[in-house]
Amino acid sequence: MNKQTREIVIPSQLLGDIKNKKAGHGTFIENGKIYAEILGVLSADSEHINVIPLRGRYDPIQGDFVIGIVIEAMSSSWLVDINAAYPALLHVNEVQWDVEFGETERYLNAGDTIMAKVLQVDSEKKLQITLKDRNLYKVKGGNLISVEPSKVPRIIGKKASMISLIKKYTRSRIFVGQNGRIWIEGEGQDVQKAIEIIELIQKEALSYGLTNKIEDLLKKDSKEVH
């Protein structure tokens, strides 16, 4: 494997043995061996082998934090686009408001943006989301951008190292959804810098030493400004 890039694997490529690792997302098991199910980037930790898709829609996982856009308000629920193959359902029981039957449009309407959490993904890929968790709410103002869902872990970084750097040096509030949507709020120039940095991370996501490179860039820009 090239030391400057992360390993890209192809479908049916042998990745390991179930005696040593557990099969994670984007993999399948056959005769005790773990194989790649999709084209993507190999991601292995001490327990699991995963393959992160290079491109494509968001594959929802229970517990993920996402940014959704309301498609439709119904009598006792809302349909929400979370960048997955199917819309997610947000029931009135899963919001912090006391919503009367038929009054959903008073609280959320088509086009509104929300920060939510994936509550349930069933075997038929039916999705349910919730707003009943801390820091989940209807978004007002700010800027919303989209990235490849597969690049989100790189944008966040290990132990949130990358996103913490961006927040620190751009003095912006940032919420990163696992579904590839990012909300940014701050001063115009700072927001623009945050967007440029995020786009750079997405472009160079497969390179090593990226966190140090981004930190050096942010420090340099900060000194030039001051």
C-alpha atoms as a PDB file:
ATOM      1  CA  MET A   1       0.000   0.000   0.000  1.00  0.00           C
ATOM      2  CA  ASN A   2       1.252   3.475  -0.888  1.00  0.00           C
ATOM      3  CA  LYS A   3       2.320   5.211   2.322  1.00  0.00           C
ATOM      4  CA  GLN A   4       0.774   8.483   1.162  1.00  0.00           C
ATOM      5  CA  THR A   5      -2.751   7.144   0.560  1.00  0.00           C
ATOM      6  CA  ARG A   6      -5.307   4.974   2.240  1.00  0.00           C
ATOM      7  CA  GLU A   7      -5.995   1.583   0.709  1.00  0.00           C
ATOM      8  CA  ILE A   8      -8.884   1.386  -1.737  1.00  0.00           C
ATOM      9  CA  VAL A   9     -10.468  -2.065  -1.997  1.00  0.00           C
ATOM     10  CA  ILE A  10     -12.754  -3.572  -4.616  1.00  0.00           C
ATOM     11  CA  PRO A  11     -15.821  -5.823  -4.205  1.00  0.00           C
ATOM     12  CA  SER A  12     -14.967  -9.432  -3.216  1.00  0.00           C
ATOM     13  CA  GLN A  13     -11.415  -8.506  -2.220  1.00  0.00           C
ATOM     14  CA  LEU A  14     -10.158 -10.588   0.724  1.00  0.00           C
ATOM     15  CA  LEU A  15      -9.707  -8.394   3.795  1.00  0.00           C
ATOM     16  CA  GLY A  16      -9.144 -10.752   6.694  1.00  0.00           C
ATOM     17  CA  ASP A  17     -10.259 -13.666   8.821  1.00  0.00           C
ATOM     18  CA  ILE A  18     -13.120 -13.726  11.345  1.00  0.00           C
ATOM     19  CA  LYS A  19     -10.730 -15.357  13.825  1.00  0.00           C
ATOM     20  CA  ASN A  20      -8.858 -12.058  14.043  1.00  0.00           C
ATOM     21  CA  LYS A  21     -11.443  -9.366  13.257  1.00  0.00           C
ATOM     22  CA  LYS A  22     -15.181  -8.795  13.122  1.00  0.00           C
ATOM     23  CA  ALA A  23     -16.846  -7.973   9.800  1.00  0.00           C
ATOM     24  CA  GLY A  24     -18.094  -4.366   9.826  1.00  0.00           C
ATOM     25  CA  HIS A  25     -19.940  -2.116   7.391  1.00  0.00           C
ATOM     26  CA  GLY A  26     -19.339  -2.711   3.695  1.00  0.00           C
ATOM     27  CA  THR A  27     -18.123  -6.290   4.169  1.00  0.00           C
ATOM     28  CA  PHE A  28     -19.447  -9.852   4.027  1.00  0.00           C
ATOM     29  CA  ILE A  29     -18.323 -13.231   5.392  1.00  0.00           C
ATOM     30  CA  GLU A  30     -17.772 -16.374   3.373  1.00  0.00           C
ATOM     31  CA  ASN A  31     -16.100 -19.557   4.689  1.00  0.00           C
ATOM     32  CA  GLY A  32     -14.735 -17.720   7.690  1.00  0.00           C
ATOM     33  CA  LYS A  33     -13.130 -14.993   5.602  1.00  0.00           C
ATOM     34  CA  ILE A  34     -14.037 -11.302   5.420  1.00  0.00           C
ATOM     35  CA  TYR A  35     -14.473  -9.758   1.964  1.00  0.00           C
ATOM     36  CA  ALA A  36     -15.231  -6.278   0.671  1.00  0.00           C
ATOM     37  CA  GLU A  37     -18.864  -5.883  -0.357  1.00  0.00           C
ATOM     38  CA  ILE A  38     -18.395  -2.522  -2.054  1.00  0.00           C
ATOM     39  CA  LEU A  39     -15.782  -0.312  -3.690  1.00  0.00           C
ATOM     40  CA  GLY A  40     -14.376   1.852  -0.924  1.00  0.00           C
ATOM     41  CA  VAL A  41     -11.629   2.748   1.514  1.00  0.00           C
ATOM     42  CA  LEU A  42     -10.382   0.099   3.937  1.00  0.00           C
ATOM     43  CA  SER A  43     -10.882   1.150   7.560  1.00  0.00           C
ATOM     44  CA  ALA A  44      -9.742  -1.272  10.251  1.00  0.00           C
ATOM     45  CA  ASP A  45      -9.458  -0.890  14.001  1.00  0.00           C
ATOM     46  CA  SER A  46      -8.511  -3.344  16.748  1.00  0.00           C
ATOM     47  CA  GLU A  47     -11.837  -5.207  16.452  1.00  0.00           C
ATOM     48  CA  HIS A  48     -13.547  -4.485  13.129  1.00  0.00           C
ATOM     49  CA  ILE A  49     -12.849  -4.315   9.423  1.00  0.00           C
ATOM     50  CA  ASN A  50     -14.991  -1.759   7.587  1.00  0.00           C
ATOM     51  CA  VAL A  51     -15.149  -0.501   4.034  1.00  0.00           C
ATOM     52  CA  ILE A  52     -16.213   3.139   3.688  1.00  0.00           C
ATOM     53  CA  PRO A  53     -17.906   3.800   0.323  1.00  0.00           C
ATOM     54  CA  LEU A  54     -16.087   6.262  -1.906  1.00  0.00           C
ATOM     55  CA  ARG A  55     -19.319   7.757  -3.167  1.00  0.00           C
ATOM     56  CA  GLY A  56     -23.023   7.368  -2.720  1.00  0.00           C
ATOM     57  CA  ARG A  57     -25.877   8.180  -0.420  1.00  0.00           C
ATOM     58  CA  TYR A  58     -25.739   8.030   3.328  1.00  0.00           C
ATOM     59  CA  ASP A  59     -26.255   4.573   4.847  1.00  0.00           C
ATOM     60  CA  PRO A  60     -28.149   5.271   8.101  1.00  0.00           C
ATOM     61  CA  ILE A  61     -27.001   3.734  11.380  1.00  0.00           C
ATOM     62  CA  GLN A  62     -29.003   3.884  14.599  1.00  0.00           C
ATOM     63  CA  GLY A  63     -27.620   6.587  16.877  1.00  0.00           C
ATOM     64  CA  ASP A  64     -26.076   8.693  14.116  1.00  0.00           C
ATOM     65  CA  PHE A  65     -26.526  12.455  14.327  1.00  0.00           C
ATOM     66  CA  VAL A  66     -27.792  13.879  11.053  1.00  0.00           C
ATOM     67  CA  ILE A  67     -29.041  17.086   9.473  1.00  0.00           C
ATOM     68  CA  GLY A  68     -32.434  16.673   7.843  1.00  0.00           C
ATOM     69  CA  ILE A  69     -34.596  18.796   5.572  1.00  0.00           C
ATOM     70  CA  VAL A  70     -38.346  18.500   6.033  1.00  0.00           C
ATOM     71  CA  ILE A  71     -40.132  17.257   2.900  1.00  0.00           C
ATOM     72  CA  GLU A  72     -43.720  17.194   4.122  1.00  0.00           C
ATOM     73  CA  ALA A  73     -45.757  17.861   7.265  1.00  0.00           C
ATOM     74  CA  MET A  74     -48.487  15.255   7.848  1.00  0.00           C
ATOM     75  CA  SER A  75     -51.179  14.957  10.526  1.00  0.00           C
ATOM     76  CA  SER A  76     -48.998  13.412  13.229  1.00  0.00           C
ATOM     77  CA  SER A  77     -45.525  13.234  11.703  1.00  0.00           C
ATOM     78  CA  TRP A  78     -43.099  14.706   9.200  1.00  0.00           C
ATOM     79  CA  LEU A  79     -41.221  13.178   6.264  1.00  0.00           C
ATOM     80  CA  VAL A  80     -37.582  14.242   6.351  1.00  0.00           C
ATOM     81  CA  ASP A  81     -34.801  13.973   3.766  1.00  0.00           C
ATOM     82  CA  ILE A  82     -31.611  12.822   5.513  1.00  0.00           C
ATOM     83  CA  ASN A  83     -29.668  12.112   2.299  1.00  0.00           C
ATOM     84  CA  ALA A  84     -30.483   8.394   2.500  1.00  0.00           C
ATOM     85  CA  ALA A  85     -32.162   6.200  -0.109  1.00  0.00           C
ATOM     86  CA  TYR A  86     -35.514   6.698   1.645  1.00  0.00           C
ATOM     87  CA  PRO A  87     -37.056   9.569   3.625  1.00  0.00           C
ATOM     88  CA  ALA A  88     -37.077   9.342   7.415  1.00  0.00           C
ATOM     89  CA  LEU A  89     -40.172   9.614   9.586  1.00  0.00           C
ATOM     90  CA  LEU A  90     -40.249  12.055  12.498  1.00  0.00           C
ATOM     91  CA  HIS A  91     -43.271  11.379  14.736  1.00  0.00           C
ATOM     92  CA  VAL A  92     -44.779  14.032  16.990  1.00  0.00           C
ATOM     93  CA  ASN A  93     -43.842  11.867  19.984  1.00  0.00           C
ATOM     94  CA  GLU A  94     -40.172  12.363  19.045  1.00  0.00           C
ATOM     95  CA  VAL A  95     -40.085  16.160  19.293  1.00  0.00           C
ATOM     96  CA  GLN A  96     -39.828  18.434  22.321  1.00  0.00           C
ATOM     97  CA  TRP A  97     -43.070  20.270  21.532  1.00  0.00           C
ATOM     98  CA  ASP A  98     -46.614  19.294  22.532  1.00  0.00           C
ATOM     99  CA  VAL A  99     -48.064  18.998  19.025  1.00  0.00           C
ATOM    100  CA  GLU A 100     -51.812  18.637  18.562  1.00  0.00           C
ATOM    101  CA  PHE A 101     -53.114  16.304  15.818  1.00  0.00           C
ATOM    102  CA  GLY A 102     -53.126  18.142  12.490  1.00  0.00           C
ATOM    103  CA  GLU A 103     -51.019  21.030  13.839  1.00  0.00           C
ATOM    104  CA  THR A 104     -47.595  19.817  12.656  1.00  0.00           C
ATOM    105  CA  GLU A 105     -47.132  22.708  10.209  1.00  0.00           C
ATOM    106  CA  ARG A 106     -47.093  25.155  13.125  1.00  0.00           C
ATOM    107  CA  TYR A 107     -43.776  23.645  14.263  1.00  0.00           C
ATOM    108  CA  LEU A 108     -42.001  22.263  11.197  1.00  0.00           C
ATOM    109  CA  ASN A 109     -42.806  22.795   7.544  1.00  0.00           C
ATOM    110  CA  ALA A 110     -41.435  21.777   4.160  1.00  0.00           C
ATOM    111  CA  GLY A 111     -37.960  23.228   3.672  1.00  0.00           C
ATOM    112  CA  ASP A 112     -37.133  23.553   7.373  1.00  0.00           C
ATOM    113  CA  THR A 113     -33.750  22.195   8.495  1.00  0.00           C
ATOM    114  CA  ILE A 114     -33.348  20.136  11.672  1.00  0.00           C
ATOM    115  CA  MET A 115     -30.544  18.520  13.631  1.00  0.00           C
ATOM    116  CA  ALA A 116     -31.738  15.012  14.495  1.00  0.00           C
ATOM    117  CA  LYS A 117     -30.666  11.533  15.557  1.00  0.00           C
ATOM    118  CA  VAL A 118     -31.401   8.249  13.792  1.00  0.00           C
ATOM    119  CA  LEU A 119     -33.767   6.430  16.145  1.00  0.00           C
ATOM    120  CA  GLN A 120     -34.403   3.226  14.236  1.00  0.00           C
ATOM    121  CA  VAL A 121     -33.511   1.485  10.981  1.00  0.00           C
ATOM    122  CA  ASP A 122     -35.557  -1.652  10.371  1.00  0.00           C
ATOM    123  CA  SER A 123     -34.909  -4.590   8.047  1.00  0.00           C
ATOM    124  CA  GLU A 124     -36.873  -2.907   5.260  1.00  0.00           C
ATOM    125  CA  LYS A 125     -34.769   0.248   5.588  1.00  0.00           C
ATOM    126  CA  LYS A 126     -37.646   2.226   7.073  1.00  0.00           C
ATOM    127  CA  LEU A 127     -36.112   5.097   8.969  1.00  0.00           C
ATOM    128  CA  GLN A 128     -37.212   6.889  12.111  1.00  0.00           C
ATOM    129  CA  ILE A 129     -35.486   9.928  13.589  1.00  0.00           C
ATOM    130  CA  THR A 130     -35.853  11.842  16.839  1.00  0.00           C
ATOM    131  CA  LEU A 131     -35.238  15.328  18.208  1.00  0.00           C
ATOM    132  CA  LYS A 132     -35.308  14.060  21.792  1.00  0.00           C
ATOM    133  CA  ASP A 133     -31.646  14.399  22.635  1.00  0.00           C
ATOM    134  CA  ARG A 134     -29.417  17.242  23.715  1.00  0.00           C
ATOM    135  CA  ASN A 135     -28.495  19.878  21.156  1.00  0.00           C
ATOM    136  CA  LEU A 136     -31.109  18.747  18.646  1.00  0.00           C
ATOM    137  CA  TYR A 137     -33.429  21.402  17.291  1.00  0.00           C
ATOM    138  CA  LYS A 138     -34.796  23.298  14.314  1.00  0.00           C
ATOM    139  CA  VAL A 139     -32.008  25.241  12.613  1.00  0.00           C
ATOM    140  CA  LYS A 140     -32.378  28.977  12.110  1.00  0.00           C
ATOM    141  CA  GLY A 141     -29.830  30.879  10.068  1.00  0.00           C
ATOM    142  CA  GLY A 142     -26.296  29.740   9.425  1.00  0.00           C
ATOM    143  CA  ASN A 143     -24.945  28.014   6.329  1.00  0.00           C
ATOM    144  CA  LEU A 144     -25.581  24.453   5.179  1.00  0.00           C
ATOM    145  CA  ILE A 145     -23.077  22.619   2.973  1.00  0.00           C
ATOM    146  CA  SER A 146     -22.883  19.041   1.695  1.00  0.00           C
ATOM    147  CA  VAL A 147     -19.942  16.632   1.526  1.00  0.00           C
ATOM    148  CA  GLU A 148     -19.558  12.978   0.660  1.00  0.00           C
ATOM    149  CA  PRO A 149     -20.857  10.976   3.667  1.00  0.00           C
ATOM    150  CA  SER A 150     -17.767   8.779   3.419  1.00  0.00           C
ATOM    151  CA  LYS A 151     -15.562  11.826   4.109  1.00  0.00           C
ATOM    152  CA  VAL A 152     -17.326  12.771   7.363  1.00  0.00           C
ATOM    153  CA  PRO A 153     -15.004  10.716   9.662  1.00  0.00           C
ATOM    154  CA  ARG A 154     -12.015  12.527   8.133  1.00  0.00           C
ATOM    155  CA  ILE A 155     -13.636  15.935   8.612  1.00  0.00           C
ATOM    156  CA  ILE A 156     -14.378  15.142  12.260  1.00  0.00           C
ATOM    157  CA  GLY A 157     -10.997  13.481  12.869  1.00  0.00           C
ATOM    158  CA  LYS A 158      -9.874  11.151  15.643  1.00  0.00           C
ATOM    159  CA  LYS A 159     -11.458  12.241  18.930  1.00  0.00           C
ATOM    160  CA  ALA A 160     -12.898  15.238  17.021  1.00  0.00           C
ATOM    161  CA  SER A 161      -9.367  16.603  16.485  1.00  0.00           C
ATOM    162  CA  MET A 162      -9.962  17.981  12.968  1.00  0.00           C
ATOM    163  CA  ILE A 163     -13.317  19.655  13.544  1.00  0.00           C
ATOM    164  CA  SER A 164     -12.049  21.129  16.825  1.00  0.00           C
ATOM    165  CA  LEU A 165      -9.212  22.814  14.929  1.00  0.00           C
ATOM    166  CA  ILE A 166     -11.625  24.296  12.403  1.00  0.00           C
ATOM    167  CA  LYS A 167     -13.941  25.587  15.139  1.00  0.00           C
ATOM    168  CA  LYS A 168     -11.022  27.088  17.063  1.00  0.00           C
ATOM    169  CA  TYR A 169      -9.342  28.967  14.233  1.00  0.00           C
ATOM    170  CA  THR A 170     -12.511  30.087  12.406  1.00  0.00           C
ATOM    171  CA  ARG A 171     -14.421  30.940  15.605  1.00  0.00           C
ATOM    172  CA  SER A 172     -17.483  29.258  14.121  1.00  0.00           C
ATOM    173  CA  ARG A 173     -20.225  27.022  15.458  1.00  0.00           C
ATOM    174  CA  ILE A 174     -20.224  23.819  13.411  1.00  0.00           C
ATOM    175  CA  PHE A 175     -22.501  20.768  13.508  1.00  0.00           C
ATOM    176  CA  VAL A 176     -21.384  17.834  11.348  1.00  0.00           C
ATOM    177  CA  GLY A 177     -24.087  15.356  10.381  1.00  0.00           C
ATOM    178  CA  GLN A 178     -23.017  11.777   9.690  1.00  0.00           C
ATOM    179  CA  ASN A 179     -25.170  12.022   6.554  1.00  0.00           C
ATOM    180  CA  GLY A 180     -22.778  14.442   4.846  1.00  0.00           C
ATOM    181  CA  ARG A 181     -24.466  17.726   5.739  1.00  0.00           C
ATOM    182  CA  ILE A 182     -22.644  20.353   7.758  1.00  0.00           C
ATOM    183  CA  TRP A 183     -24.139  23.451   9.397  1.00  0.00           C
ATOM    184  CA  ILE A 184     -21.839  26.417  10.023  1.00  0.00           C
ATOM    185  CA  GLU A 185     -22.599  29.695  11.815  1.00  0.00           C
ATOM    186  CA  GLY A 186     -20.257  32.625  12.375  1.00  0.00           C
ATOM    187  CA  GLU A 187     -18.887  35.796  10.805  1.00  0.00           C
ATOM    188  CA  GLY A 188     -18.889  35.848   7.007  1.00  0.00           C
ATOM    189  CA  GLN A 189     -15.118  35.638   6.516  1.00  0.00           C
ATOM    190  CA  ASP A 190     -14.759  32.964   9.192  1.00  0.00           C
ATOM    191  CA  VAL A 191     -17.550  30.849   7.701  1.00  0.00           C
ATOM    192  CA  GLN A 192     -15.974  31.116   4.253  1.00  0.00           C
ATOM    193  CA  LYS A 193     -12.634  29.956   5.673  1.00  0.00           C
ATOM    194  CA  ALA A 194     -14.325  27.000   7.411  1.00  0.00           C
ATOM    195  CA  ILE A 195     -16.007  25.995   4.144  1.00  0.00           C
ATOM    196  CA  GLU A 196     -12.716  26.224   2.232  1.00  0.00           C
ATOM    197  CA  ILE A 197     -10.946  24.061   4.811  1.00  0.00           C
ATOM    198  CA  ILE A 198     -13.731  21.452   4.813  1.00  0.00           C
ATOM    199  CA  GLU A 199     -13.630  21.297   1.000  1.00  0.00           C
ATOM    200  CA  LEU A 200      -9.848  20.836   1.150  1.00  0.00           C
ATOM    201  CA  ILE A 201     -10.199  17.986   3.664  1.00  0.00           C
ATOM    202  CA  GLN A 202     -12.780  16.328   1.429  1.00  0.00           C
ATOM    203  CA  LYS A 203     -10.501  16.657  -1.585  1.00  0.00           C
ATOM    204  CA  GLU A 204      -7.442  15.271   0.227  1.00  0.00           C
ATOM    205  CA  ALA A 205      -9.252  12.859   2.557  1.00  0.00           C
ATOM    206  CA  LEU A 206      -7.134   9.866   1.547  1.00  0.00           C
ATOM    207  CA  SER A 207      -3.771  11.491   2.305  1.00  0.00           C
ATOM    208  CA  TYR A 208      -1.810  10.971   5.512  1.00  0.00           C
ATOM    209  CA  GLY A 209      -0.673  13.795   7.765  1.00  0.00           C
ATOM    210  CA  LEU A 210      -3.739  15.813   6.839  1.00  0.00           C
ATOM    211  CA  THR A 211      -4.525  17.025  10.368  1.00  0.00           C
ATOM    212  CA  ASN A 212      -1.059  18.568  10.735  1.00  0.00           C
ATOM    213  CA  LYS A 213      -1.306  20.132   7.292  1.00  0.00           C
ATOM    214  CA  ILE A 214      -4.681  21.679   8.089  1.00  0.00           C
ATOM    215  CA  GLU A 215      -3.471  22.970  11.464  1.00  0.00           C
ATOM    216  CA  ASP A 216      -0.410  24.598   9.849  1.00  0.00           C
ATOM    217  CA  LEU A 217      -2.650  26.203   7.221  1.00  0.00           C
ATOM    218  CA  LEU A 218      -5.099  27.531   9.807  1.00  0.00           C
ATOM    219  CA  LYS A 219      -2.281  28.897  11.994  1.00  0.00           C
ATOM    220  CA  LYS A 220      -0.714  30.623   9.000  1.00  0.00           C
ATOM    221  CA  ASP A 221      -4.018  32.216   7.982  1.00  0.00           C
ATOM    222  CA  SER A 222      -4.660  33.289  11.573  1.00  0.00           C
ATOM    223  CA  LYS A 223      -1.275  35.065  11.759  1.00  0.00           C
ATOM    224  CA  GLU A 224      -1.868  36.802   8.422  1.00  0.00           C
ATOM    225  CA  VAL A 225      -5.238  38.082   9.620  1.00  0.00           C
ATOM    226  CA  HIS A 226      -3.762  39.435  12.846  1.00  0.00           C
END
